[in-house]
Amino acid sequence: MSEGLRSGQLAEAAGVNRQTLRYYERRGLLTEPRRSLGGHRLYPPETVTTMRVIKAAQRLGFTLDEVADLLDLGRHRHTAEPGLRSRAASKLAEVEASIADLRVVAGTLRTAVDAGCDDLAACAADPSCPIPFSGLGASPS
């Protein structure tokens, strides 16, 4: 392994496929690896950690563009830009807002299920329907 990890070895160690590695290279998330005399990509061993960081950040809701920015900050230590803590706080606020929205949706669906709504059109015409049709267009009066 002193010469580096080949694509298959890195993909297996990181739990991704080879196409993912190429995609991340094209996106700039991974630096282009050096090549063996036979033309095989040879990744430094620390690329496994980079791949795990990318996948963990994605699971936490960061987009690949956001992950690229975070990796760039780590590589270049730009002090003028907000770091992981600030960006994680922003992402947390987004996630908490999404959770609140999903709780409203879940509550409305639960109420619709409990009310026995089986026909969307019939339910829309029923004033006691729990589904919020208002704001979706003009309702007949």
N, C-alpha and C. Protein backbone atom coordinates (compact mmCIF):
# COMPACT_ATOMS: atom_id res chain seq x y z
N MET A 1 0.81 -1.20 0.00
CA MET A 1 0.00 0.00 0.00
C MET A 1 0.85 1.26 0.00
N SER A 2 2.15 1.12 0.07
CA SER A 2 3.01 2.30 0.13
C SER A 2 2.90 3.14 -1.13
N GLU A 3 2.55 2.50 -2.26
CA GLU A 3 2.41 3.28 -3.49
C GLU A 3 1.03 3.90 -3.62
N GLY A 4 0.09 3.46 -2.86
CA GLY A 4 -1.25 4.02 -2.87
C GLY A 4 -2.32 2.97 -3.07
N LEU A 5 -3.56 3.41 -2.99
CA LEU A 5 -4.70 2.52 -3.16
C LEU A 5 -5.23 2.64 -4.58
N ARG A 6 -5.49 1.51 -5.19
CA ARG A 6 -6.12 1.52 -6.50
C ARG A 6 -7.60 1.82 -6.32
N SER A 7 -8.26 2.17 -7.40
CA SER A 7 -9.68 2.57 -7.35
C SER A 7 -10.55 1.55 -6.63
N GLY A 8 -10.39 0.28 -6.97
CA GLY A 8 -11.21 -0.76 -6.35
C GLY A 8 -10.96 -0.87 -4.86
N GLN A 9 -9.70 -0.73 -4.46
CA GLN A 9 -9.37 -0.81 -3.04
C GLN A 9 -9.98 0.36 -2.27
N LEU A 10 -9.87 1.56 -2.85
CA LEU A 10 -10.44 2.74 -2.20
C LEU A 10 -11.95 2.63 -2.14
N ALA A 11 -12.56 2.25 -3.25
CA ALA A 11 -14.02 2.13 -3.29
C ALA A 11 -14.51 1.15 -2.22
N GLU A 12 -13.85 0.02 -2.12
CA GLU A 12 -14.25 -0.97 -1.12
C GLU A 12 -14.06 -0.44 0.30
N ALA A 13 -12.93 0.18 0.56
CA ALA A 13 -12.64 0.70 1.90
C ALA A 13 -13.63 1.80 2.30
N ALA A 14 -14.07 2.58 1.31
CA ALA A 14 -14.97 3.70 1.60
C ALA A 14 -16.45 3.32 1.47
N GLY A 15 -16.74 2.13 0.96
CA GLY A 15 -18.12 1.69 0.82
C GLY A 15 -18.87 2.38 -0.31
N VAL A 16 -18.15 2.68 -1.40
CA VAL A 16 -18.78 3.30 -2.58
C VAL A 16 -18.35 2.50 -3.81
N ASN A 17 -18.87 2.89 -4.98
CA ASN A 17 -18.42 2.23 -6.19
C ASN A 17 -17.40 3.10 -6.92
N ARG A 18 -16.76 2.55 -7.90
CA ARG A 18 -15.71 3.26 -8.62
C ARG A 18 -16.25 4.50 -9.34
N GLN A 19 -17.47 4.41 -9.84
CA GLN A 19 -18.06 5.56 -10.52
C GLN A 19 -18.20 6.75 -9.58
N THR A 20 -18.47 6.47 -8.32
CA THR A 20 -18.56 7.54 -7.32
C THR A 20 -17.22 8.24 -7.17
N LEU A 21 -16.15 7.48 -7.17
CA LEU A 21 -14.82 8.08 -7.07
C LEU A 21 -14.57 9.02 -8.25
N ARG A 22 -14.89 8.56 -9.45
CA ARG A 22 -14.67 9.39 -10.65
C ARG A 22 -15.53 10.65 -10.58
N TYR A 23 -16.77 10.47 -10.13
CA TYR A 23 -17.68 11.62 -10.01
C TYR A 23 -17.13 12.63 -9.02
N TYR A 24 -16.66 12.17 -7.89
CA TYR A 24 -16.10 13.07 -6.89
C TYR A 24 -14.85 13.77 -7.41
N GLU A 25 -14.07 13.07 -8.21
CA GLU A 25 -12.91 13.72 -8.84
C GLU A 25 -13.37 14.84 -9.77
N ARG A 26 -14.35 14.56 -10.62
CA ARG A 26 -14.87 15.58 -11.55
C ARG A 26 -15.44 16.78 -10.80
N ARG A 27 -16.08 16.53 -9.65
CA ARG A 27 -16.66 17.60 -8.84
C ARG A 27 -15.61 18.35 -8.02
N GLY A 28 -14.40 17.83 -7.98
CA GLY A 28 -13.33 18.49 -7.22
C GLY A 28 -13.29 18.12 -5.76
N LEU A 29 -14.08 17.11 -5.36
CA LEU A 29 -14.06 16.67 -3.97
C LEU A 29 -12.81 15.86 -3.66
N LEU A 30 -12.31 15.16 -4.66
CA LEU A 30 -11.07 14.40 -4.54
C LEU A 30 -10.08 14.97 -5.53
N THR A 31 -8.86 15.09 -5.09
CA THR A 31 -7.83 15.54 -6.02
C THR A 31 -7.50 14.39 -6.97
N GLU A 32 -7.14 14.75 -8.17
CA GLU A 32 -6.81 13.72 -9.14
C GLU A 32 -5.60 12.94 -8.64
N PRO A 33 -5.72 11.62 -8.58
CA PRO A 33 -4.62 10.82 -8.04
C PRO A 33 -3.49 10.67 -9.05
N ARG A 34 -2.34 10.31 -8.54
CA ARG A 34 -1.23 10.02 -9.45
C ARG A 34 -1.52 8.67 -10.10
N ARG A 35 -0.76 8.35 -11.10
CA ARG A 35 -0.97 7.11 -11.85
C ARG A 35 0.24 6.18 -11.71
N SER A 36 -0.05 4.89 -11.73
CA SER A 36 1.02 3.91 -11.73
C SER A 36 1.62 3.85 -13.14
N LEU A 37 2.71 3.14 -13.29
CA LEU A 37 3.31 2.99 -14.62
C LEU A 37 2.33 2.35 -15.58
N GLY A 38 1.45 1.51 -15.07
CA GLY A 38 0.42 0.86 -15.89
C GLY A 38 -0.81 1.72 -16.12
N GLY A 39 -0.84 2.94 -15.58
CA GLY A 39 -1.97 3.84 -15.78
C GLY A 39 -3.08 3.76 -14.75
N HIS A 40 -2.90 2.93 -13.72
CA HIS A 40 -3.93 2.80 -12.69
C HIS A 40 -3.87 4.00 -11.75
N ARG A 41 -5.05 4.45 -11.33
CA ARG A 41 -5.11 5.52 -10.35
C ARG A 41 -4.57 4.99 -9.02
N LEU A 42 -3.76 5.81 -8.36
CA LEU A 42 -3.22 5.45 -7.05
C LEU A 42 -3.54 6.58 -6.07
N TYR A 43 -4.45 6.30 -5.17
CA TYR A 43 -4.90 7.28 -4.20
C TYR A 43 -4.08 7.18 -2.93
N PRO A 44 -3.75 8.30 -2.32
CA PRO A 44 -3.07 8.23 -1.02
C PRO A 44 -4.02 7.61 0.02
N PRO A 45 -3.48 6.90 1.00
CA PRO A 45 -4.34 6.23 1.99
C PRO A 45 -5.31 7.17 2.71
N GLU A 46 -4.93 8.43 2.91
CA GLU A 46 -5.83 9.36 3.61
C GLU A 46 -7.09 9.68 2.82
N THR A 47 -7.15 9.26 1.55
CA THR A 47 -8.35 9.47 0.75
C THR A 47 -9.53 8.69 1.32
N VAL A 48 -9.25 7.58 2.00
CA VAL A 48 -10.34 6.82 2.65
C VAL A 48 -11.03 7.72 3.67
N THR A 49 -10.26 8.45 4.44
CA THR A 49 -10.85 9.37 5.43
C THR A 49 -11.65 10.46 4.73
N THR A 50 -11.11 11.00 3.66
CA THR A 50 -11.83 12.03 2.91
C THR A 50 -13.17 11.49 2.41
N MET A 51 -13.16 10.27 1.89
CA MET A 51 -14.41 9.67 1.41
C MET A 51 -15.41 9.49 2.56
N ARG A 52 -14.93 9.06 3.69
CA ARG A 52 -15.82 8.88 4.85
C ARG A 52 -16.39 10.21 5.32
N VAL A 53 -15.58 11.26 5.25
CA VAL A 53 -16.04 12.61 5.60
C VAL A 53 -17.14 13.05 4.63
N ILE A 54 -16.92 12.84 3.35
CA ILE A 54 -17.91 13.22 2.34
C ILE A 54 -19.23 12.50 2.59
N LYS A 55 -19.17 11.20 2.78
CA LYS A 55 -20.40 10.43 2.98
C LYS A 55 -21.10 10.83 4.29
N ALA A 56 -20.34 11.07 5.34
CA ALA A 56 -20.95 11.49 6.62
C ALA A 56 -21.62 12.85 6.46
N ALA A 57 -20.96 13.78 5.77
CA ALA A 57 -21.54 15.11 5.56
C ALA A 57 -22.83 15.02 4.75
N GLN A 58 -22.85 14.14 3.74
CA GLN A 58 -24.07 13.95 2.96
C GLN A 58 -25.20 13.40 3.83
N ARG A 59 -24.88 12.44 4.69
CA ARG A 59 -25.91 11.89 5.58
C ARG A 59 -26.45 12.96 6.53
N LEU A 60 -25.63 13.96 6.83
CA LEU A 60 -26.07 15.05 7.71
C LEU A 60 -26.84 16.13 6.96
N GLY A 61 -27.01 15.94 5.65
CA GLY A 61 -27.83 16.86 4.88
C GLY A 61 -27.07 17.88 4.06
N PHE A 62 -25.76 17.84 4.08
CA PHE A 62 -24.98 18.78 3.28
C PHE A 62 -25.00 18.34 1.82
N THR A 63 -25.15 19.30 0.92
CA THR A 63 -25.08 19.01 -0.51
C THR A 63 -23.62 18.80 -0.89
N LEU A 64 -23.38 18.25 -2.07
CA LEU A 64 -22.00 18.06 -2.51
C LEU A 64 -21.29 19.39 -2.68
N ASP A 65 -22.00 20.43 -3.10
CA ASP A 65 -21.37 21.76 -3.18
C ASP A 65 -20.95 22.23 -1.79
N GLU A 66 -21.81 22.02 -0.81
CA GLU A 66 -21.47 22.41 0.56
C GLU A 66 -20.30 21.58 1.09
N VAL A 67 -20.29 20.29 0.77
CA VAL A 67 -19.19 19.43 1.18
C VAL A 67 -17.89 19.91 0.55
N ALA A 68 -17.95 20.27 -0.73
CA ALA A 68 -16.74 20.76 -1.42
C ALA A 68 -16.21 22.01 -0.72
N ASP A 69 -17.11 22.90 -0.34
CA ASP A 69 -16.69 24.12 0.38
C ASP A 69 -16.04 23.76 1.71
N LEU A 70 -16.65 22.84 2.44
CA LEU A 70 -16.09 22.43 3.74
C LEU A 70 -14.72 21.79 3.57
N LEU A 71 -14.58 20.95 2.56
CA LEU A 71 -13.27 20.33 2.32
C LEU A 71 -12.24 21.37 1.93
N ASP A 72 -12.66 22.34 1.12
CA ASP A 72 -11.75 23.40 0.70
C ASP A 72 -11.32 24.23 1.91
N LEU A 73 -12.26 24.53 2.79
CA LEU A 73 -11.91 25.28 4.01
C LEU A 73 -10.88 24.52 4.82
N GLY A 74 -11.07 23.21 4.94
CA GLY A 74 -10.13 22.41 5.70
C GLY A 74 -8.76 22.36 5.07
N ARG A 75 -8.73 22.33 3.75
CA ARG A 75 -7.44 22.25 3.04
C ARG A 75 -6.69 23.58 3.08
N HIS A 76 -7.43 24.69 3.01
CA HIS A 76 -6.79 25.99 2.88
C HIS A 76 -6.91 26.87 4.11
N ARG A 77 -7.70 26.43 5.08
CA ARG A 77 -7.82 27.14 6.35
C ARG A 77 -8.15 28.63 6.17
N HIS A 78 -9.15 28.92 5.31
CA HIS A 78 -9.59 30.31 5.15
C HIS A 78 -10.23 30.77 6.45
N THR A 79 -9.65 31.75 7.09
CA THR A 79 -10.20 32.20 8.37
C THR A 79 -11.34 33.19 8.19
N ALA A 80 -11.44 33.82 7.02
CA ALA A 80 -12.48 34.82 6.81
C ALA A 80 -13.85 34.18 6.57
N GLU A 81 -13.88 32.93 6.16
CA GLU A 81 -15.15 32.27 5.87
C GLU A 81 -15.62 31.46 7.08
N PRO A 82 -16.95 31.32 7.20
CA PRO A 82 -17.45 30.52 8.32
C PRO A 82 -17.03 29.06 8.18
N GLY A 83 -16.67 28.46 9.29
CA GLY A 83 -16.20 27.08 9.30
C GLY A 83 -17.31 26.09 9.53
N LEU A 84 -16.92 24.89 9.90
CA LEU A 84 -17.88 23.81 10.09
C LEU A 84 -18.91 24.15 11.15
N ARG A 85 -18.50 24.71 12.26
CA ARG A 85 -19.44 25.00 13.35
C ARG A 85 -20.57 25.91 12.85
N SER A 86 -20.23 26.98 12.18
CA SER A 86 -21.23 27.92 11.67
C SER A 86 -22.12 27.26 10.62
N ARG A 87 -21.51 26.51 9.72
CA ARG A 87 -22.28 25.85 8.67
C ARG A 87 -23.15 24.73 9.23
N ALA A 88 -22.65 24.04 10.24
CA ALA A 88 -23.46 23.00 10.88
C ALA A 88 -24.65 23.63 11.61
N ALA A 89 -24.44 24.79 12.22
CA ALA A 89 -25.54 25.48 12.89
C ALA A 89 -26.61 25.88 11.88
N SER A 90 -26.19 26.37 10.73
CA SER A 90 -27.15 26.73 9.68
C SER A 90 -27.89 25.51 9.18
N LYS A 91 -27.17 24.41 8.97
CA LYS A 91 -27.79 23.17 8.49
C LYS A 91 -28.76 22.64 9.54
N LEU A 92 -28.39 22.76 10.81
CA LEU A 92 -29.28 22.33 11.89
C LEU A 92 -30.57 23.12 11.87
N ALA A 93 -30.48 24.43 11.65
CA ALA A 93 -31.69 25.26 11.57
C ALA A 93 -32.57 24.81 10.40
N GLU A 94 -31.96 24.50 9.27
CA GLU A 94 -32.72 24.00 8.11
C GLU A 94 -33.42 22.69 8.44
N VAL A 95 -32.68 21.77 9.07
CA VAL A 95 -33.23 20.47 9.41
C VAL A 95 -34.37 20.62 10.41
N GLU A 96 -34.19 21.47 11.41
CA GLU A 96 -35.26 21.67 12.40
C GLU A 96 -36.50 22.29 11.76
N ALA A 97 -36.33 23.19 10.80
CA ALA A 97 -37.47 23.77 10.09
C ALA A 97 -38.18 22.70 9.27
N SER A 98 -37.40 21.83 8.63
CA SER A 98 -38.00 20.73 7.86
C SER A 98 -38.76 19.77 8.77
N ILE A 99 -38.20 19.49 9.93
CA ILE A 99 -38.88 18.61 10.88
C ILE A 99 -40.21 19.24 11.31
N ALA A 100 -40.21 20.53 11.58
CA ALA A 100 -41.45 21.21 11.98
C ALA A 100 -42.48 21.12 10.85
N ASP A 101 -42.04 21.36 9.62
CA ASP A 101 -42.95 21.25 8.47
C ASP A 101 -43.50 19.83 8.35
N LEU A 102 -42.62 18.85 8.50
CA LEU A 102 -43.05 17.45 8.38
C LEU A 102 -44.01 17.05 9.50
N ARG A 103 -43.84 17.63 10.68
CA ARG A 103 -44.78 17.34 11.77
C ARG A 103 -46.17 17.86 11.44
N VAL A 104 -46.24 19.02 10.81
CA VAL A 104 -47.54 19.57 10.38
C VAL A 104 -48.16 18.65 9.34
N VAL A 105 -47.36 18.24 8.37
CA VAL A 105 -47.86 17.33 7.32
C VAL A 105 -48.32 16.03 7.94
N ALA A 106 -47.52 15.46 8.85
CA ALA A 106 -47.89 14.20 9.49
C ALA A 106 -49.19 14.34 10.27
N GLY A 107 -49.33 15.44 10.98
CA GLY A 107 -50.57 15.67 11.74
C GLY A 107 -51.78 15.77 10.83
N THR A 108 -51.63 16.47 9.72
CA THR A 108 -52.74 16.61 8.77
C THR A 108 -53.09 15.25 8.16
N LEU A 109 -52.09 14.48 7.79
CA LEU A 109 -52.35 13.15 7.22
C LEU A 109 -52.99 12.23 8.25
N ARG A 110 -52.52 12.31 9.49
CA ARG A 110 -53.10 11.49 10.56
C ARG A 110 -54.59 11.83 10.73
N THR A 111 -54.89 13.12 10.72
CA THR A 111 -56.28 13.56 10.86
C THR A 111 -57.11 13.09 9.67
N ALA A 112 -56.54 13.16 8.45
CA ALA A 112 -57.26 12.70 7.25
C ALA A 112 -57.52 11.21 7.32
N VAL A 113 -56.55 10.44 7.79
CA VAL A 113 -56.74 9.00 7.94
C VAL A 113 -57.82 8.73 8.98
N ASP A 114 -57.75 9.40 10.13
CA ASP A 114 -58.73 9.21 11.19
C ASP A 114 -60.14 9.62 10.75
N ALA A 115 -60.22 10.63 9.87
CA ALA A 115 -61.52 11.10 9.39
C ALA A 115 -62.09 10.19 8.31
N GLY A 116 -61.27 9.25 7.83
CA GLY A 116 -61.75 8.30 6.82
C GLY A 116 -61.81 8.89 5.42
N CYS A 117 -61.00 9.89 5.14
CA CYS A 117 -60.99 10.49 3.80
C CYS A 117 -60.53 9.46 2.78
N ASP A 118 -61.45 9.04 1.89
CA ASP A 118 -61.11 8.06 0.87
C ASP A 118 -61.15 8.64 -0.53
N ASP A 119 -61.85 9.76 -0.69
CA ASP A 119 -62.01 10.36 -2.01
C ASP A 119 -61.58 11.82 -1.90
N LEU A 120 -60.51 12.16 -2.57
CA LEU A 120 -59.95 13.50 -2.46
C LEU A 120 -60.94 14.57 -2.92
N ALA A 121 -61.63 14.33 -4.02
CA ALA A 121 -62.59 15.32 -4.53
C ALA A 121 -63.76 15.48 -3.56
N ALA A 122 -64.27 14.37 -3.04
CA ALA A 122 -65.38 14.44 -2.08
C ALA A 122 -64.93 15.13 -0.80
N CYS A 123 -63.73 14.83 -0.39
CA CYS A 123 -63.21 15.44 0.83
C CYS A 123 -63.05 16.95 0.64
N ALA A 124 -62.62 17.38 -0.53
CA ALA A 124 -62.43 18.80 -0.81
C ALA A 124 -63.75 19.56 -0.72
N ALA A 125 -64.84 18.89 -1.06
CA ALA A 125 -66.16 19.53 -1.03
C ALA A 125 -66.77 19.53 0.37
N ASP A 126 -66.21 18.74 1.27
CA ASP A 126 -66.74 18.63 2.63
C ASP A 126 -66.08 19.69 3.52
N PRO A 127 -66.86 20.59 4.11
CA PRO A 127 -66.27 21.64 4.93
C PRO A 127 -65.52 21.12 6.17
N SER A 128 -65.80 19.91 6.59
CA SER A 128 -65.10 19.38 7.76
C SER A 128 -63.83 18.59 7.37
N CYS A 129 -63.49 18.59 6.10
CA CYS A 129 -62.30 17.87 5.66
C CYS A 129 -61.06 18.49 6.30
N PRO A 130 -60.16 17.67 6.84
CA PRO A 130 -58.98 18.19 7.52
C PRO A 130 -57.84 18.61 6.57
N ILE A 131 -57.96 18.26 5.29
CA ILE A 131 -56.90 18.61 4.35
C ILE A 131 -57.04 20.08 3.97
N PRO A 132 -55.98 20.84 4.10
CA PRO A 132 -56.05 22.29 3.83
C PRO A 132 -56.05 22.60 2.33
N PHE A 133 -57.26 22.60 1.73
CA PHE A 133 -57.35 22.89 0.30
C PHE A 133 -57.28 24.39 0.01
N SER A 134 -57.53 25.22 1.02
CA SER A 134 -57.46 26.65 0.78
C SER A 134 -56.04 27.05 0.43
N GLY A 135 -55.92 28.04 -0.41
CA GLY A 135 -54.61 28.48 -0.85
C GLY A 135 -54.11 27.70 -2.04
N LEU A 136 -54.84 26.67 -2.44
CA LEU A 136 -54.45 25.87 -3.60
C LEU A 136 -55.15 26.34 -4.86
N GLY A 137 -55.94 27.35 -4.76
CA GLY A 137 -56.70 27.84 -5.89
C GLY A 137 -58.05 28.33 -5.38
N ALA A 138 -58.84 28.86 -6.25
CA ALA A 138 -60.14 29.40 -5.85
C ALA A 138 -61.07 28.24 -5.50
N SER A 139 -61.73 28.36 -4.36
CA SER A 139 -62.69 27.34 -4.00
C SER A 139 -64.09 27.83 -4.34
N PRO A 140 -64.96 26.90 -4.79
CA PRO A 140 -66.32 27.32 -5.15
C PRO A 140 -67.08 27.76 -3.90
N SER A 141 -67.81 28.85 -4.01
CA SER A 141 -68.57 29.37 -2.87
C SER A 141 -70.03 29.22 -3.08
